[in-house]
Amino acid sequence: MALKIRMARAGAKKRPFYSIVVADSRSPRDGRFIEKLGSYNPMLAKDHPERVKLKAERVQHWLSVGALPSDRVARFLGDAGLREKPPRRETPKQSAPRKKAQARAASAAGAAGDAASA
């Protein structure tokens, strides 16, 4: 049984609230879970102490048993000092401008440089 530490969504429409749970990886996102480990309220300010709550000793137990955290939960655990923080991902290549757009930007920058020097 593969265990995951992940978030289960709750709350009303447009008012999200998440429970941080340990669950079997095959169970649905908002479905059956083994234990609730904390909560996350994205509606609160980033520096608010109630934004992310965790039961540290239970999280450590499940990590030692072999539960793997999701990407977002791994960042929460890194911020809480329970695990090393994962590195930030780079911007994907797909979002970079294509060749024609890069050529247009280069020619526009060259034209602006020529106008400034004249």
PDB file of N, CA and C in Angstrom:
ATOM      1  N   MET A   1       0.850  -1.176   0.000  1.00  0.00           N
ATOM      2  CA  MET A   1       0.000   0.000   0.000  1.00  0.00           C
ATOM      3  C   MET A   1       0.895   1.238   0.000  1.00  0.00           C
ATOM      4  N   ALA A   2       0.817   2.049  -1.051  1.00  0.00           N
ATOM      5  CA  ALA A   2       1.610   3.265  -1.165  1.00  0.00           C
ATOM      6  C   ALA A   2       0.898   4.400  -0.443  1.00  0.00           C
ATOM      7  N   LEU A   3       1.586   5.014   0.498  1.00  0.00           N
ATOM      8  CA  LEU A   3       0.985   6.084   1.287  1.00  0.00           C
ATOM      9  C   LEU A   3       1.449   7.434   0.783  1.00  0.00           C
ATOM     10  N   LYS A   4       0.527   8.391   0.762  1.00  0.00           N
ATOM     11  CA  LYS A   4       0.836   9.753   0.359  1.00  0.00           C
ATOM     12  C   LYS A   4       0.349  10.707   1.441  1.00  0.00           C
ATOM     13  N   ILE A   5       1.111  11.752   1.695  1.00  0.00           N
ATOM     14  CA  ILE A   5       0.651  12.858   2.528  1.00  0.00           C
ATOM     15  C   ILE A   5       0.236  13.939   1.546  1.00  0.00           C
ATOM     16  N   ARG A   6      -1.053  14.255   1.525  1.00  0.00           N
ATOM     17  CA  ARG A   6      -1.581  15.170   0.521  1.00  0.00           C
ATOM     18  C   ARG A   6      -2.719  15.985   1.109  1.00  0.00           C
ATOM     19  N   MET A   7      -3.279  16.852   0.285  1.00  0.00           N
ATOM     20  CA  MET A   7      -4.367  17.710   0.734  1.00  0.00           C
ATOM     21  C   MET A   7      -5.696  17.187   0.216  1.00  0.00           C
ATOM     22  N   ALA A   8      -6.728  17.300   1.059  1.00  0.00           N
ATOM     23  CA  ALA A   8      -8.099  16.968   0.677  1.00  0.00           C
ATOM     24  C   ALA A   8      -8.903  18.258   0.773  1.00  0.00           C
ATOM     25  N   ARG A   9      -9.598  18.617  -0.302  1.00  0.00           N
ATOM     26  CA  ARG A   9     -10.302  19.898  -0.346  1.00  0.00           C
ATOM     27  C   ARG A   9     -11.603  19.830   0.412  1.00  0.00           C
ATOM     28  N   ALA A  10     -11.896  20.906   1.105  1.00  0.00           N
ATOM     29  CA  ALA A  10     -13.166  21.087   1.795  1.00  0.00           C
ATOM     30  C   ALA A  10     -13.546  22.556   1.618  1.00  0.00           C
ATOM     31  N   GLY A  11     -14.573  23.012   2.281  1.00  0.00           N
ATOM     32  CA  GLY A  11     -14.972  24.402   2.179  1.00  0.00           C
ATOM     33  C   GLY A  11     -15.997  24.610   1.094  1.00  0.00           C
ATOM     34  N   ALA A  12     -16.537  25.804   1.054  1.00  0.00           N
ATOM     35  CA  ALA A  12     -17.588  26.142   0.107  1.00  0.00           C
ATOM     36  C   ALA A  12     -17.002  26.537  -1.239  1.00  0.00           C
ATOM     37  N   LYS A  13     -17.880  26.773  -2.186  1.00  0.00           N
ATOM     38  CA  LYS A  13     -17.466  27.224  -3.509  1.00  0.00           C
ATOM     39  C   LYS A  13     -16.750  28.566  -3.386  1.00  0.00           C
ATOM     40  N   LYS A  14     -15.594  28.683  -4.023  1.00  0.00           N
ATOM     41  CA  LYS A  14     -14.758  29.880  -4.017  1.00  0.00           C
ATOM     42  C   LYS A  14     -14.197  30.213  -2.626  1.00  0.00           C
ATOM     43  N   ARG A  15     -14.323  29.316  -1.662  1.00  0.00           N
ATOM     44  CA  ARG A  15     -13.778  29.504  -0.309  1.00  0.00           C
ATOM     45  C   ARG A  15     -13.045  28.220   0.095  1.00  0.00           C
ATOM     46  N   PRO A  16     -11.889  27.940  -0.514  1.00  0.00           N
ATOM     47  CA  PRO A  16     -11.238  26.651  -0.271  1.00  0.00           C
ATOM     48  C   PRO A  16     -10.670  26.533   1.142  1.00  0.00           C
ATOM     49  N   PHE A  17     -10.651  25.320   1.606  1.00  0.00           N
ATOM     50  CA  PHE A  17     -10.019  24.946   2.871  1.00  0.00           C
ATOM     51  C   PHE A  17      -9.530  23.517   2.668  1.00  0.00           C
ATOM     52  N   TYR A  18      -8.309  23.238   3.055  1.00  0.00           N
ATOM     53  CA  TYR A  18      -7.736  21.929   2.804  1.00  0.00           C
ATOM     54  C   TYR A  18      -7.342  21.252   4.114  1.00  0.00           C
ATOM     55  N   SER A  19      -7.578  19.954   4.189  1.00  0.00           N
ATOM     56  CA  SER A  19      -7.054  19.132   5.268  1.00  0.00           C
ATOM     57  C   SER A  19      -5.819  18.427   4.741  1.00  0.00           C
ATOM     58  N   ILE A  20      -4.779  18.380   5.551  1.00  0.00           N
ATOM     59  CA  ILE A  20      -3.572  17.646   5.177  1.00  0.00           C
ATOM     60  C   ILE A  20      -3.723  16.261   5.779  1.00  0.00           C
ATOM     61  N   VAL A  21      -3.776  15.252   4.917  1.00  0.00           N
ATOM     62  CA  VAL A  21      -4.088  13.892   5.357  1.00  0.00           C
ATOM     63  C   VAL A  21      -3.052  12.914   4.825  1.00  0.00           C
ATOM     64  N   VAL A  22      -2.989  11.757   5.466  1.00  0.00           N
ATOM     65  CA  VAL A  22      -2.219  10.641   4.927  1.00  0.00           C
ATOM     66  C   VAL A  22      -3.249   9.639   4.415  1.00  0.00           C
ATOM     67  N   ALA A  23      -3.059   9.215   3.170  1.00  0.00           N
ATOM     68  CA  ALA A  23      -4.041   8.349   2.517  1.00  0.00           C
ATOM     69  C   ALA A  23      -3.338   7.378   1.585  1.00  0.00           C
ATOM     70  N   ASP A  24      -4.049   6.335   1.233  1.00  0.00           N
ATOM     71  CA  ASP A  24      -3.582   5.420   0.207  1.00  0.00           C
ATOM     72  C   ASP A  24      -3.574   6.184  -1.112  1.00  0.00           C
ATOM     73  N   SER A  25      -2.552   6.002  -1.911  1.00  0.00           N
ATOM     74  CA  SER A  25      -2.429   6.786  -3.147  1.00  0.00           C
ATOM     75  C   SER A  25      -3.548   6.481  -4.134  1.00  0.00           C
ATOM     76  N   ARG A  26      -4.212   5.324  -3.992  1.00  0.00           N
ATOM     77  CA  ARG A  26      -5.276   4.959  -4.925  1.00  0.00           C
ATOM     78  C   ARG A  26      -6.630   5.527  -4.522  1.00  0.00           C
ATOM     79  N   SER A  27      -6.760   6.047  -3.318  1.00  0.00           N
ATOM     80  CA  SER A  27      -8.049   6.579  -2.881  1.00  0.00           C
ATOM     81  C   SER A  27      -8.287   7.962  -3.496  1.00  0.00           C
ATOM     82  N   PRO A  28      -9.560   8.377  -3.666  1.00  0.00           N
ATOM     83  CA  PRO A  28      -9.844   9.671  -4.283  1.00  0.00           C
ATOM     84  C   PRO A  28      -9.359  10.839  -3.421  1.00  0.00           C
ATOM     85  N   ARG A  29      -9.197  11.987  -4.065  1.00  0.00           N
ATOM     86  CA  ARG A  29      -8.642  13.167  -3.391  1.00  0.00           C
ATOM     87  C   ARG A  29      -9.416  13.520  -2.132  1.00  0.00           C
ATOM     88  N   ASP A  30     -10.733  13.603  -2.222  1.00  0.00           N
ATOM     89  CA  ASP A  30     -11.551  13.987  -1.075  1.00  0.00           C
ATOM     90  C   ASP A  30     -12.158  12.777  -0.381  1.00  0.00           C
ATOM     91  N   GLY A  31     -11.702  11.592  -0.727  1.00  0.00           N
ATOM     92  CA  GLY A  31     -12.302  10.364  -0.212  1.00  0.00           C
ATOM     93  C   GLY A  31     -11.649   9.880   1.074  1.00  0.00           C
ATOM     94  N   ARG A  32     -11.562   8.575   1.180  1.00  0.00           N
ATOM     95  CA  ARG A  32     -11.095   7.935   2.398  1.00  0.00           C
ATOM     96  C   ARG A  32      -9.633   8.271   2.683  1.00  0.00           C
ATOM     97  N   PHE A  33      -9.333   8.514   3.944  1.00  0.00           N
ATOM     98  CA  PHE A  33      -7.962   8.760   4.369  1.00  0.00           C
ATOM     99  C   PHE A  33      -7.712   8.015   5.667  1.00  0.00           C
ATOM    100  N   ILE A  34      -6.440   7.914   6.046  1.00  0.00           N
ATOM    101  CA  ILE A  34      -6.063   7.154   7.233  1.00  0.00           C
ATOM    102  C   ILE A  34      -6.051   8.048   8.467  1.00  0.00           C
ATOM    103  N   GLU A  35      -5.415   9.230   8.341  1.00  0.00           N
ATOM    104  CA  GLU A  35      -5.305  10.130   9.487  1.00  0.00           C
ATOM    105  C   GLU A  35      -5.189  11.564   9.005  1.00  0.00           C
ATOM    106  N   LYS A  36      -5.793  12.476   9.748  1.00  0.00           N
ATOM    107  CA  LYS A  36      -5.672  13.905   9.452  1.00  0.00           C
ATOM    108  C   LYS A  36      -4.452  14.440  10.208  1.00  0.00           C
ATOM    109  N   LEU A  37      -3.546  15.085   9.459  1.00  0.00           N
ATOM    110  CA  LEU A  37      -2.297  15.567  10.045  1.00  0.00           C
ATOM    111  C   LEU A  37      -2.259  17.074  10.247  1.00  0.00           C
ATOM    112  N   GLY A  38      -3.194  17.796   9.647  1.00  0.00           N
ATOM    113  CA  GLY A  38      -3.188  19.239   9.792  1.00  0.00           C
ATOM    114  C   GLY A  38      -4.181  19.873   8.846  1.00  0.00           C
ATOM    115  N   SER A  39      -4.026  21.187   8.653  1.00  0.00           N
ATOM    116  CA  SER A  39      -4.936  21.918   7.773  1.00  0.00           C
ATOM    117  C   SER A  39      -4.190  23.064   7.098  1.00  0.00           C
ATOM    118  N   TYR A  40      -4.778  23.547   6.012  1.00  0.00           N
ATOM    119  CA  TYR A  40      -4.227  24.662   5.228  1.00  0.00           C
ATOM    120  C   TYR A  40      -5.387  25.536   4.790  1.00  0.00           C
ATOM    121  N   ASN A  41      -5.305  26.817   5.119  1.00  0.00           N
ATOM    122  CA  ASN A  41      -6.344  27.773   4.755  1.00  0.00           C
ATOM    123  C   ASN A  41      -5.727  28.845   3.855  1.00  0.00           C
ATOM    124  N   PRO A  42      -5.866  28.727   2.530  1.00  0.00           N
ATOM    125  CA  PRO A  42      -5.237  29.687   1.619  1.00  0.00           C
ATOM    126  C   PRO A  42      -5.887  31.063   1.645  1.00  0.00           C
ATOM    127  N   MET A  43      -7.027  31.218   2.320  1.00  0.00           N
ATOM    128  CA  MET A  43      -7.699  32.514   2.379  1.00  0.00           C
ATOM    129  C   MET A  43      -7.030  33.455   3.384  1.00  0.00           C
ATOM    130  N   LEU A  44      -6.180  32.934   4.258  1.00  0.00           N
ATOM    131  CA  LEU A  44      -5.492  33.760   5.246  1.00  0.00           C
ATOM    132  C   LEU A  44      -4.194  34.318   4.661  1.00  0.00           C
ATOM    133  N   ALA A  45      -3.685  35.370   5.275  1.00  0.00           N
ATOM    134  CA  ALA A  45      -2.432  35.982   4.826  1.00  0.00           C
ATOM    135  C   ALA A  45      -1.272  35.008   4.998  1.00  0.00           C
ATOM    136  N   LYS A  46      -0.232  35.180   4.178  1.00  0.00           N
ATOM    137  CA  LYS A  46       0.890  34.239   4.196  1.00  0.00           C
ATOM    138  C   LYS A  46       1.617  34.201   5.535  1.00  0.00           C
ATOM    139  N   ASP A  47       1.614  35.302   6.275  1.00  0.00           N
ATOM    140  CA  ASP A  47       2.321  35.323   7.552  1.00  0.00           C
ATOM    141  C   ASP A  47       1.410  35.003   8.738  1.00  0.00           C
ATOM    142  N   HIS A  48       0.150  34.688   8.486  1.00  0.00           N
ATOM    143  CA  HIS A  48      -0.800  34.366   9.550  1.00  0.00           C
ATOM    144  C   HIS A  48      -0.445  32.997  10.152  1.00  0.00           C
ATOM    145  N   PRO A  49      -0.402  32.873  11.483  1.00  0.00           N
ATOM    146  CA  PRO A  49       0.002  31.591  12.091  1.00  0.00           C
ATOM    147  C   PRO A  49      -0.996  30.459  11.873  1.00  0.00           C
ATOM    148  N   GLU A  50      -2.241  30.763  11.575  1.00  0.00           N
ATOM    149  CA  GLU A  50      -3.258  29.730  11.390  1.00  0.00           C
ATOM    150  C   GLU A  50      -3.353  29.247   9.943  1.00  0.00           C
ATOM    151  N   ARG A  51      -2.533  29.788   9.033  1.00  0.00           N
ATOM    152  CA  ARG A  51      -2.619  29.417   7.622  1.00  0.00           C
ATOM    153  C   ARG A  51      -2.291  27.933   7.414  1.00  0.00           C
ATOM    154  N   VAL A  52      -1.198  27.477   7.997  1.00  0.00           N
ATOM    155  CA  VAL A  52      -0.817  26.050   7.907  1.00  0.00           C
ATOM    156  C   VAL A  52      -0.627  25.531   9.326  1.00  0.00           C
ATOM    157  N   LYS A  53      -1.389  24.508   9.677  1.00  0.00           N
ATOM    158  CA  LYS A  53      -1.250  23.846  10.974  1.00  0.00           C
ATOM    159  C   LYS A  53      -0.834  22.405  10.718  1.00  0.00           C
ATOM    160  N   LEU A  54       0.136  21.918  11.471  1.00  0.00           N
ATOM    161  CA  LEU A  54       0.616  20.544  11.310  1.00  0.00           C
ATOM    162  C   LEU A  54       0.826  19.899  12.673  1.00  0.00           C
ATOM    163  N   LYS A  55       0.551  18.602  12.762  1.00  0.00           N
ATOM    164  CA  LYS A  55       0.900  17.801  13.930  1.00  0.00           C
ATOM    165  C   LYS A  55       2.271  17.209  13.633  1.00  0.00           C
ATOM    166  N   ALA A  56       3.318  17.875  14.129  1.00  0.00           N
ATOM    167  CA  ALA A  56       4.688  17.558  13.738  1.00  0.00           C
ATOM    168  C   ALA A  56       5.074  16.119  14.064  1.00  0.00           C
ATOM    169  N   GLU A  57       4.734  15.638  15.254  1.00  0.00           N
ATOM    170  CA  GLU A  57       5.170  14.282  15.624  1.00  0.00           C
ATOM    171  C   GLU A  57       4.491  13.221  14.760  1.00  0.00           C
ATOM    172  N   ARG A  58       3.235  13.431  14.391  1.00  0.00           N
ATOM    173  CA  ARG A  58       2.536  12.469  13.538  1.00  0.00           C
ATOM    174  C   ARG A  58       3.088  12.513  12.109  1.00  0.00           C
ATOM    175  N   VAL A  59       3.439  13.705  11.641  1.00  0.00           N
ATOM    176  CA  VAL A  59       4.034  13.823  10.304  1.00  0.00           C
ATOM    177  C   VAL A  59       5.349  13.061  10.271  1.00  0.00           C
ATOM    178  N   GLN A  60       6.172  13.234  11.308  1.00  0.00           N
ATOM    179  CA  GLN A  60       7.449  12.528  11.373  1.00  0.00           C
ATOM    180  C   GLN A  60       7.233  11.015  11.382  1.00  0.00           C
ATOM    181  N   HIS A  61       6.213  10.568  12.111  1.00  0.00           N
ATOM    182  CA  HIS A  61       5.915   9.129  12.153  1.00  0.00           C
ATOM    183  C   HIS A  61       5.598   8.603  10.755  1.00  0.00           C
ATOM    184  N   TRP A  62       4.711   9.290  10.040  1.00  0.00           N
ATOM    185  CA  TRP A  62       4.304   8.799   8.721  1.00  0.00           C
ATOM    186  C   TRP A  62       5.437   8.889   7.709  1.00  0.00           C
ATOM    187  N   LEU A  63       6.296   9.893   7.841  1.00  0.00           N
ATOM    188  CA  LEU A  63       7.465   9.966   6.957  1.00  0.00           C
ATOM    189  C   LEU A  63       8.415   8.801   7.234  1.00  0.00           C
ATOM    190  N   SER A  64       8.569   8.431   8.510  1.00  0.00           N
ATOM    191  CA  SER A  64       9.459   7.321   8.846  1.00  0.00           C
ATOM    192  C   SER A  64       8.896   5.984   8.377  1.00  0.00           C
ATOM    193  N   VAL A  65       7.572   5.877   8.288  1.00  0.00           N
ATOM    194  CA  VAL A  65       6.934   4.656   7.812  1.00  0.00           C
ATOM    195  C   VAL A  65       7.065   4.540   6.294  1.00  0.00           C
ATOM    196  N   GLY A  66       7.267   5.654   5.604  1.00  0.00           N
ATOM    197  CA  GLY A  66       7.469   5.603   4.159  1.00  0.00           C
ATOM    198  C   GLY A  66       6.458   6.383   3.348  1.00  0.00           C
ATOM    199  N   ALA A  67       5.635   7.202   3.992  1.00  0.00           N
ATOM    200  CA  ALA A  67       4.666   8.022   3.256  1.00  0.00           C
ATOM    201  C   ALA A  67       5.409   9.122   2.504  1.00  0.00           C
ATOM    202  N   LEU A  68       4.994   9.368   1.270  1.00  0.00           N
ATOM    203  CA  LEU A  68       5.620  10.399   0.448  1.00  0.00           C
ATOM    204  C   LEU A  68       4.712  11.619   0.375  1.00  0.00           C
ATOM    205  N   PRO A  69       5.237  12.817   0.638  1.00  0.00           N
ATOM    206  CA  PRO A  69       4.400  14.011   0.546  1.00  0.00           C
ATOM    207  C   PRO A  69       4.238  14.466  -0.904  1.00  0.00           C
ATOM    208  N   SER A  70       3.113  15.113  -1.190  1.00  0.00           N
ATOM    209  CA  SER A  70       2.918  15.728  -2.499  1.00  0.00           C
ATOM    210  C   SER A  70       3.833  16.951  -2.594  1.00  0.00           C
ATOM    211  N   ASP A  71       3.920  17.560  -3.763  1.00  0.00           N
ATOM    212  CA  ASP A  71       4.818  18.702  -3.955  1.00  0.00           C
ATOM    213  C   ASP A  71       4.481  19.850  -3.010  1.00  0.00           C
ATOM    214  N   ARG A  72       3.215  20.218  -2.938  1.00  0.00           N
ATOM    215  CA  ARG A  72       2.796  21.345  -2.101  1.00  0.00           C
ATOM    216  C   ARG A  72       3.000  21.033  -0.624  1.00  0.00           C
ATOM    217  N   VAL A  73       2.658  19.829  -0.199  1.00  0.00           N
ATOM    218  CA  VAL A  73       2.832  19.455   1.204  1.00  0.00           C
ATOM    219  C   VAL A  73       4.317  19.394   1.546  1.00  0.00           C
ATOM    220  N   ALA A  74       5.156  18.973   0.612  1.00  0.00           N
ATOM    221  CA  ALA A  74       6.607  18.949   0.855  1.00  0.00           C
ATOM    222  C   ALA A  74       7.124  20.366   1.117  1.00  0.00           C
ATOM    223  N   ARG A  75       6.564  21.355   0.416  1.00  0.00           N
ATOM    224  CA  ARG A  75       6.972  22.748   0.675  1.00  0.00           C
ATOM    225  C   ARG A  75       6.517  23.194   2.055  1.00  0.00           C
ATOM    226  N   PHE A  76       5.305  22.798   2.475  1.00  0.00           N
ATOM    227  CA  PHE A  76       4.836  23.130   3.826  1.00  0.00           C
ATOM    228  C   PHE A  76       5.751  22.506   4.876  1.00  0.00           C
ATOM    229  N   LEU A  77       6.136  21.252   4.664  1.00  0.00           N
ATOM    230  CA  LEU A  77       7.004  20.566   5.616  1.00  0.00           C
ATOM    231  C   LEU A  77       8.387  21.220   5.657  1.00  0.00           C
ATOM    232  N   GLY A  78       8.872  21.676   4.502  1.00  0.00           N
ATOM    233  CA  GLY A  78      10.155  22.377   4.463  1.00  0.00           C
ATOM    234  C   GLY A  78      10.091  23.697   5.218  1.00  0.00           C
ATOM    235  N   ASP A  79       8.985  24.421   5.076  1.00  0.00           N
ATOM    236  CA  ASP A  79       8.820  25.681   5.802  1.00  0.00           C
ATOM    237  C   ASP A  79       8.731  25.450   7.310  1.00  0.00           C
ATOM    238  N   ALA A  80       8.138  24.331   7.714  1.00  0.00           N
ATOM    239  CA  ALA A  80       7.991  24.015   9.132  1.00  0.00           C
ATOM    240  C   ALA A  80       9.263  23.407   9.717  1.00  0.00           C
ATOM    241  N   GLY A  81      10.240  23.063   8.877  1.00  0.00           N
ATOM    242  CA  GLY A  81      11.494  22.485   9.353  1.00  0.00           C
ATOM    243  C   GLY A  81      11.410  20.997   9.628  1.00  0.00           C
ATOM    244  N   LEU A  82      10.399  20.332   9.094  1.00  0.00           N
ATOM    245  CA  LEU A  82      10.243  18.896   9.314  1.00  0.00           C
ATOM    246  C   LEU A  82      10.954  18.068   8.247  1.00  0.00           C
ATOM    247  N   ARG A  83      11.367  18.725   7.198  1.00  0.00           N
ATOM    248  CA  ARG A  83      11.999  18.044   6.080  1.00  0.00           C
ATOM    249  C   ARG A  83      12.759  19.103   5.286  1.00  0.00           C
ATOM    250  N   GLU A  84      13.738  18.691   4.489  1.00  0.00           N
ATOM    251  CA  GLU A  84      14.432  19.698   3.688  1.00  0.00           C
ATOM    252  C   GLU A  84      13.503  20.187   2.578  1.00  0.00           C
ATOM    253  N   LYS A  85      13.551  21.479   2.336  1.00  0.00           N
ATOM    254  CA  LYS A  85      12.647  22.106   1.378  1.00  0.00           C
ATOM    255  C   LYS A  85      13.052  21.733  -0.042  1.00  0.00           C
ATOM    256  N   PRO A  86      12.098  21.297  -0.873  1.00  0.00           N
ATOM    257  CA  PRO A  86      12.447  20.942  -2.257  1.00  0.00           C
ATOM    258  C   PRO A  86      12.794  22.200  -3.059  1.00  0.00           C
ATOM    259  N   PRO A  87      13.662  22.067  -4.062  1.00  0.00           N
ATOM    260  CA  PRO A  87      14.024  23.233  -4.867  1.00  0.00           C
ATOM    261  C   PRO A  87      12.850  23.704  -5.716  1.00  0.00           C
ATOM    262  N   ARG A  88      12.838  24.997  -5.996  1.00  0.00           N
ATOM    263  CA  ARG A  88      11.791  25.565  -6.858  1.00  0.00           C
ATOM    264  C   ARG A  88      12.028  25.092  -8.278  1.00  0.00           C
ATOM    265  N   ARG A  89      10.949  24.839  -8.984  1.00  0.00           N
ATOM    266  CA  ARG A  89      11.075  24.402 -10.374  1.00  0.00           C
ATOM    267  C   ARG A  89      11.354  25.592 -11.272  1.00  0.00           C
ATOM    268  N   GLU A  90      12.072  25.336 -12.337  1.00  0.00           N
ATOM    269  CA  GLU A  90      12.330  26.386 -13.316  1.00  0.00           C
ATOM    270  C   GLU A  90      11.103  26.567 -14.197  1.00  0.00           C
ATOM    271  N   THR A  91      11.021  27.698 -14.871  1.00  0.00           N
ATOM    272  CA  THR A  91       9.929  27.940 -15.798  1.00  0.00           C
ATOM    273  C   THR A  91      10.053  26.951 -16.952  1.00  0.00           C
ATOM    274  N   PRO A  92       8.968  26.310 -17.346  1.00  0.00           N
ATOM    275  CA  PRO A  92       9.072  25.335 -18.428  1.00  0.00           C
ATOM    276  C   PRO A  92       9.442  25.973 -19.750  1.00  0.00           C
ATOM    277  N   LYS A  93      10.104  25.199 -20.615  1.00  0.00           N
ATOM    278  CA  LYS A  93      10.521  25.707 -21.916  1.00  0.00           C
ATOM    279  C   LYS A  93       9.321  26.088 -22.769  1.00  0.00           C
ATOM    280  N   GLN A  94       8.189  25.450 -22.554  1.00  0.00           N
ATOM    281  CA  GLN A  94       7.013  25.727 -23.371  1.00  0.00           C
ATOM    282  C   GLN A  94       6.567  27.179 -23.264  1.00  0.00           C
ATOM    283  N   SER A  95       6.816  27.813 -22.109  1.00  0.00           N
ATOM    284  CA  SER A  95       6.349  29.174 -21.934  1.00  0.00           C
ATOM    285  C   SER A  95       7.317  30.211 -22.513  1.00  0.00           C
ATOM    286  N   ALA A  96       8.482  29.784 -22.984  1.00  0.00           N
ATOM    287  CA  ALA A  96       9.448  30.709 -23.578  1.00  0.00           C
ATOM    288  C   ALA A  96       8.935  31.173 -24.941  1.00  0.00           C
ATOM    289  N   PRO A  97       9.266  32.416 -25.351  1.00  0.00           N
ATOM    290  CA  PRO A  97       8.837  32.895 -26.665  1.00  0.00           C
ATOM    291  C   PRO A  97       9.447  32.046 -27.783  1.00  0.00           C
ATOM    292  N   ARG A  98       8.718  31.919 -28.874  1.00  0.00           N
ATOM    293  CA  ARG A  98       9.185  31.138 -30.015  1.00  0.00           C
ATOM    294  C   ARG A  98      10.210  31.945 -30.813  1.00  0.00           C
ATOM    295  N   LYS A  99      10.772  31.347 -31.878  1.00  0.00           N
ATOM    296  CA  LYS A  99      11.860  31.959 -32.639  1.00  0.00           C
ATOM    297  C   LYS A  99      11.450  33.289 -33.258  1.00  0.00           C
ATOM    298  N   LYS A 100      10.262  33.345 -33.873  1.00  0.00           N
ATOM    299  CA  LYS A 100       9.835  34.586 -34.521  1.00  0.00           C
ATOM    300  C   LYS A 100       9.657  35.698 -33.500  1.00  0.00           C
ATOM    301  N   ALA A 101       9.082  35.384 -32.351  1.00  0.00           N
ATOM    302  CA  ALA A 101       8.877  36.397 -31.315  1.00  0.00           C
ATOM    303  C   ALA A 101      10.214  36.879 -30.770  1.00  0.00           C
ATOM    304  N   GLN A 102      11.187  35.967 -30.624  1.00  0.00           N
ATOM    305  CA  GLN A 102      12.514  36.376 -30.168  1.00  0.00           C
ATOM    306  C   GLN A 102      13.186  37.273 -31.198  1.00  0.00           C
ATOM    307  N   ALA A 103      13.013  36.967 -32.491  1.00  0.00           N
ATOM    308  CA  ALA A 103      13.600  37.790 -33.547  1.00  0.00           C
ATOM    309  C   ALA A 103      12.971  39.183 -33.551  1.00  0.00           C
ATOM    310  N   ARG A 104      11.641  39.253 -33.396  1.00  0.00           N
ATOM    311  CA  ARG A 104      10.963  40.558 -33.340  1.00  0.00           C
ATOM    312  C   ARG A 104      11.446  41.365 -32.143  1.00  0.00           C
ATOM    313  N   ALA A 105      11.614  40.724 -31.000  1.00  0.00           N
ATOM    314  CA  ALA A 105      12.081  41.433 -29.805  1.00  0.00           C
ATOM    315  C   ALA A 105      13.508  41.934 -29.995  1.00  0.00           C
ATOM    316  N   ALA A 106      14.349  41.109 -30.627  1.00  0.00           N
ATOM    317  CA  ALA A 106      15.742  41.518 -30.861  1.00  0.00           C
ATOM    318  C   ALA A 106      15.800  42.704 -31.840  1.00  0.00           C
ATOM    319  N   SER A 107      14.987  42.651 -32.903  1.00  0.00           N
ATOM    320  CA  SER A 107      14.992  43.769 -33.862  1.00  0.00           C
ATOM    321  C   SER A 107      14.424  45.041 -33.225  1.00  0.00           C
ATOM    322  N   ALA A 108      13.419  44.905 -32.387  1.00  0.00           N
ATOM    323  CA  ALA A 108      12.851  46.068 -31.697  1.00  0.00           C
ATOM    324  C   ALA A 108      13.863  46.674 -30.742  1.00  0.00           C
ATOM    325  N   ALA A 109      14.614  45.815 -30.047  1.00  0.00           N
ATOM    326  CA  ALA A 109      15.641  46.314 -29.136  1.00  0.00           C
ATOM    327  C   ALA A 109      16.763  46.979 -29.915  1.00  0.00           C
ATOM    328  N   GLY A 110      17.115  46.435 -31.062  1.00  0.00           N
ATOM    329  CA  GLY A 110      18.146  47.054 -31.902  1.00  0.00           C
ATOM    330  C   GLY A 110      17.701  48.385 -32.439  1.00  0.00           C
ATOM    331  N   ALA A 111      16.445  48.495 -32.855  1.00  0.00           N
ATOM    332  CA  ALA A 111      15.905  49.762 -33.357  1.00  0.00           C
ATOM    333  C   ALA A 111      15.837  50.798 -32.257  1.00  0.00           C
ATOM    334  N   ALA A 112      15.489  50.383 -31.053  1.00  0.00           N
ATOM    335  CA  ALA A 112      15.436  51.314 -29.929  1.00  0.00           C
ATOM    336  C   ALA A 112      16.847  51.792 -29.559  1.00  0.00           C
ATOM    337  N   GLY A 113      17.832  50.892 -29.665  1.00  0.00           N
ATOM    338  CA  GLY A 113      19.223  51.270 -29.387  1.00  0.00           C
ATOM    339  C   GLY A 113      19.752  52.261 -30.413  1.00  0.00           C
ATOM    340  N   ASP A 114      19.385  52.067 -31.720  1.00  0.00           N
ATOM    341  CA  ASP A 114      19.808  52.975 -32.774  1.00  0.00           C
ATOM    342  C   ASP A 114      19.166  54.358 -32.581  1.00  0.00           C
ATOM    343  N   ALA A 115      17.900  54.391 -32.191  1.00  0.00           N
ATOM    344  CA  ALA A 115      17.202  55.662 -31.983  1.00  0.00           C
ATOM    345  C   ALA A 115      17.770  56.401 -30.789  1.00  0.00           C
ATOM    346  N   ALA A 116      18.188  55.701 -29.769  1.00  0.00           N
ATOM    347  CA  ALA A 116      18.750  56.321 -28.583  1.00  0.00           C
ATOM    348  C   ALA A 116      20.142  56.909 -28.867  1.00  0.00           C
ATOM    349  N   SER A 117      20.917  56.242 -29.728  1.00  0.00           N
ATOM    350  CA  SER A 117      22.263  56.724 -30.012  1.00  0.00           C
ATOM    351  C   SER A 117      22.261  57.892 -31.007  1.00  0.00           C
ATOM    352  N   ALA A 118      21.176  58.034 -31.754  1.00  0.00           N
ATOM    353  CA  ALA A 118      21.128  59.105 -32.761  1.00  0.00           C
ATOM    354  C   ALA A 118      20.748  60.434 -32.204  1.00  0.00           C
TER     355      ALA A 118
END
